[in-house]
Amino acid sequence: MKQSEIKQLSTEELQDKLGSLKKSYIDLKMAHTISPLEVPMQLRVLRRNVARVATELTKRELQ
């Protein structure tokens, strides 16, 4: 998910997206713990997407 896509979303959509991204990250991390993922880079990409959305939400709160 690109930064330009994140900026176009409303605050409510960002909060929903953050919740779903966190849930999928936790699920993927658990799956990786049980048996290694075929593409472990998915974890990094997902973690960074969570950070991007959280950063945009924080930026909007401070404005």
N, C-alpha and C. Protein backbone atom coordinates (compact mmCIF):
# COMPACT_ATOMS: atom_id res chain seq x y z
N MET A 1 0.85 -1.16 0.00
CA MET A 1 0.00 0.00 0.00
C MET A 1 0.90 1.23 0.00
N LYS A 2 0.68 2.10 -0.97
CA LYS A 2 1.51 3.29 -1.11
C LYS A 2 0.99 4.43 -0.24
N GLN A 3 1.88 5.36 0.04
CA GLN A 3 1.53 6.50 0.88
C GLN A 3 0.42 7.33 0.23
N SER A 4 0.45 7.45 -1.09
CA SER A 4 -0.59 8.24 -1.77
C SER A 4 -1.97 7.59 -1.61
N GLU A 5 -2.02 6.27 -1.59
CA GLU A 5 -3.28 5.57 -1.38
C GLU A 5 -3.78 5.78 0.05
N ILE A 6 -2.86 5.81 0.99
CA ILE A 6 -3.23 5.98 2.39
C ILE A 6 -3.79 7.37 2.63
N LYS A 7 -3.22 8.38 2.01
CA LYS A 7 -3.66 9.76 2.21
C LYS A 7 -5.07 9.99 1.69
N GLN A 8 -5.51 9.19 0.72
CA GLN A 8 -6.84 9.36 0.13
C GLN A 8 -7.94 8.78 1.00
N LEU A 9 -7.59 7.91 1.95
CA LEU A 9 -8.60 7.27 2.79
C LEU A 9 -9.05 8.21 3.90
N SER A 10 -10.28 8.03 4.35
CA SER A 10 -10.78 8.83 5.47
C SER A 10 -10.21 8.26 6.77
N THR A 11 -10.40 8.99 7.85
CA THR A 11 -9.87 8.58 9.15
C THR A 11 -10.50 7.27 9.61
N GLU A 12 -11.81 7.13 9.41
CA GLU A 12 -12.49 5.89 9.80
C GLU A 12 -11.98 4.70 8.99
N GLU A 13 -11.78 4.92 7.69
CA GLU A 13 -11.24 3.85 6.84
C GLU A 13 -9.83 3.46 7.27
N LEU A 14 -9.05 4.46 7.67
CA LEU A 14 -7.69 4.18 8.14
C LEU A 14 -7.70 3.36 9.42
N GLN A 15 -8.62 3.67 10.33
CA GLN A 15 -8.70 2.91 11.57
C GLN A 15 -9.11 1.46 11.30
N ASP A 16 -10.06 1.26 10.38
CA ASP A 16 -10.47 -0.09 10.01
C ASP A 16 -9.32 -0.83 9.34
N LYS A 17 -8.62 -0.14 8.46
CA LYS A 17 -7.49 -0.73 7.74
C LYS A 17 -6.38 -1.12 8.71
N LEU A 18 -6.12 -0.26 9.70
CA LEU A 18 -5.09 -0.55 10.69
C LEU A 18 -5.44 -1.81 11.48
N GLY A 19 -6.69 -1.93 11.88
CA GLY A 19 -7.12 -3.12 12.61
C GLY A 19 -6.96 -4.39 11.79
N SER A 20 -7.36 -4.33 10.53
CA SER A 20 -7.25 -5.52 9.69
C SER A 20 -5.80 -5.86 9.37
N LEU A 21 -4.96 -4.84 9.18
CA LEU A 21 -3.54 -5.08 8.91
C LEU A 21 -2.85 -5.70 10.13
N LYS A 22 -3.17 -5.20 11.32
CA LYS A 22 -2.58 -5.76 12.53
C LYS A 22 -2.98 -7.21 12.71
N LYS A 23 -4.26 -7.50 12.45
CA LYS A 23 -4.75 -8.88 12.60
C LYS A 23 -4.07 -9.81 11.61
N SER A 24 -3.95 -9.38 10.37
CA SER A 24 -3.30 -10.23 9.38
C SER A 24 -1.81 -10.40 9.67
N TYR A 25 -1.17 -9.36 10.23
CA TYR A 25 0.24 -9.48 10.61
C TYR A 25 0.42 -10.51 11.72
N ILE A 26 -0.45 -10.46 12.71
CA ILE A 26 -0.36 -11.41 13.82
C ILE A 26 -0.60 -12.83 13.31
N ASP A 27 -1.60 -13.01 12.46
CA ASP A 27 -1.89 -14.33 11.90
C ASP A 27 -0.71 -14.86 11.09
N LEU A 28 -0.11 -14.00 10.28
CA LEU A 28 1.01 -14.41 9.45
C LEU A 28 2.23 -14.73 10.31
N LYS A 29 2.44 -13.97 11.36
CA LYS A 29 3.56 -14.21 12.26
C LYS A 29 3.40 -15.54 12.97
N MET A 30 2.18 -15.86 13.39
CA MET A 30 1.92 -17.15 14.03
C MET A 30 2.15 -18.30 13.06
N ALA A 31 1.69 -18.11 11.83
CA ALA A 31 1.89 -19.15 10.82
C ALA A 31 3.38 -19.36 10.56
N HIS A 32 4.14 -18.28 10.58
CA HIS A 32 5.59 -18.37 10.35
C HIS A 32 6.28 -19.07 11.52
N THR A 33 5.75 -18.90 12.72
CA THR A 33 6.32 -19.56 13.89
C THR A 33 6.12 -21.06 13.81
N ILE A 34 4.95 -21.46 13.36
CA ILE A 34 4.62 -22.89 13.28
C ILE A 34 5.41 -23.57 12.17
N SER A 35 5.35 -23.00 10.99
CA SER A 35 6.13 -23.53 9.87
C SER A 35 6.59 -22.34 9.03
N PRO A 36 7.84 -22.35 8.60
CA PRO A 36 8.38 -21.18 7.87
C PRO A 36 7.57 -20.84 6.63
N LEU A 37 7.42 -19.53 6.42
CA LEU A 37 6.70 -19.07 5.24
C LEU A 37 7.55 -19.26 3.99
N GLU A 38 6.88 -19.42 2.89
CA GLU A 38 7.59 -19.57 1.63
C GLU A 38 8.26 -18.25 1.24
N VAL A 39 7.56 -17.14 1.55
CA VAL A 39 8.09 -15.80 1.26
C VAL A 39 8.08 -14.99 2.56
N PRO A 40 9.15 -15.04 3.34
CA PRO A 40 9.16 -14.34 4.62
C PRO A 40 9.16 -12.82 4.49
N MET A 41 9.40 -12.29 3.31
CA MET A 41 9.36 -10.84 3.09
C MET A 41 7.95 -10.29 3.31
N GLN A 42 6.95 -11.14 3.28
CA GLN A 42 5.57 -10.71 3.53
C GLN A 42 5.45 -10.07 4.90
N LEU A 43 6.19 -10.60 5.87
CA LEU A 43 6.16 -10.06 7.22
C LEU A 43 6.65 -8.62 7.24
N ARG A 44 7.75 -8.36 6.56
CA ARG A 44 8.32 -7.02 6.54
C ARG A 44 7.39 -6.04 5.85
N VAL A 45 6.83 -6.45 4.73
CA VAL A 45 5.93 -5.58 3.97
C VAL A 45 4.70 -5.25 4.80
N LEU A 46 4.14 -6.24 5.44
CA LEU A 46 2.94 -6.03 6.26
C LEU A 46 3.24 -5.14 7.47
N ARG A 47 4.37 -5.37 8.11
CA ARG A 47 4.75 -4.56 9.27
C ARG A 47 4.93 -3.10 8.87
N ARG A 48 5.52 -2.86 7.72
CA ARG A 48 5.73 -1.49 7.25
C ARG A 48 4.41 -0.82 6.85
N ASN A 49 3.48 -1.61 6.30
CA ASN A 49 2.16 -1.05 5.99
C ASN A 49 1.42 -0.63 7.25
N VAL A 50 1.55 -1.44 8.30
CA VAL A 50 0.95 -1.08 9.59
C VAL A 50 1.53 0.24 10.07
N ALA A 51 2.83 0.38 9.95
CA ALA A 51 3.49 1.61 10.41
C ALA A 51 3.06 2.81 9.58
N ARG A 52 2.91 2.64 8.27
CA ARG A 52 2.48 3.75 7.41
C ARG A 52 1.09 4.24 7.79
N VAL A 53 0.18 3.31 8.01
CA VAL A 53 -1.20 3.69 8.36
C VAL A 53 -1.22 4.35 9.74
N ALA A 54 -0.48 3.79 10.69
CA ALA A 54 -0.44 4.36 12.03
C ALA A 54 0.16 5.76 12.01
N THR A 55 1.17 5.97 11.20
CA THR A 55 1.80 7.29 11.09
C THR A 55 0.83 8.31 10.52
N GLU A 56 0.07 7.92 9.51
CA GLU A 56 -0.90 8.83 8.91
C GLU A 56 -1.99 9.18 9.91
N LEU A 57 -2.45 8.22 10.71
CA LEU A 57 -3.45 8.49 11.73
C LEU A 57 -2.92 9.46 12.79
N THR A 58 -1.69 9.26 13.20
CA THR A 58 -1.08 10.15 14.19
C THR A 58 -0.93 11.56 13.63
N LYS A 59 -0.53 11.64 12.38
CA LYS A 59 -0.37 12.95 11.73
C LYS A 59 -1.69 13.69 11.69
N ARG A 60 -2.77 12.98 11.40
CA ARG A 60 -4.10 13.62 11.33
C ARG A 60 -4.57 14.05 12.71
N GLU A 61 -4.24 13.29 13.75
CA GLU A 61 -4.64 13.66 15.10
C GLU A 61 -3.93 14.93 15.56
N LEU A 62 -2.70 15.12 15.13
CA LEU A 62 -1.93 16.28 15.56
C LEU A 62 -2.30 17.55 14.83
N GLN A 63 -3.01 17.44 13.75
CA GLN A 63 -3.38 18.65 12.97
C GLN A 63 -4.57 19.35 13.55
